[in-house]
Amino acid sequence: MHSKLTSALTLCLVTILSIVYVRAQDSAASSANPNPELVGQLTKQLNVTPEQATGGAGAIFGYTKSKLSPSNFSKIASSVPGMDGFLKAAPSTGGTSASALNSLGGAVPGSAGSMASGAGGGVASLAGSFQKLGLSPDMVSKFAPVMQNYIGSKGGSGVAGLFASALH
């Protein structure tokens, strides 16, 4: 009787641990590539790795989240499956070098680059995140239109306009 109980408990424990392991693997996979379509577009068009695409998009989405009202950002988030994964993948910034900020000045004519004024101002604050990903700060200007086109295809031009307005 005792060995049957031990066997049953062992089987239950193994089952529970298997479920936890599978869920952890699924979670890791979804955070590694929260949106295969958008990550695929960024990697193909910009010749970056999936990790750089995910982290760079996450940094830009985090920036737009800080610039928009919660209701406006939720319109963007609902158009981008995997938004939480992108936001979690964004590298933390520990400061931005002056040369990185200078390289962003005018990087996006008529859009994001026009905000690169002063230390940490505008999208220049993204330079540190992009450097941590092994990307030059001017890549922000290359990510933004790809992301805006994707958002427009999923949520319409109004939602794409909200995204663009946060970068101006």
Foldseek 3Di string as FASTA:
>chain_A
DVVVVVVVVVVVVVVVVVVVVVVVVVVVVCLLQVACVLLVLCCVVVVADSLLSLQLVLLLLVLLCVQDDPVLSVLLVVLGGRNVSSVVSHDDAPFDDPVLLVVLQCLAPPFQNVQSDDGCTALSVCQRRSVVSVHRSSCNNVSLVSSLVSSCVRRNNVSSVSSRVSRD
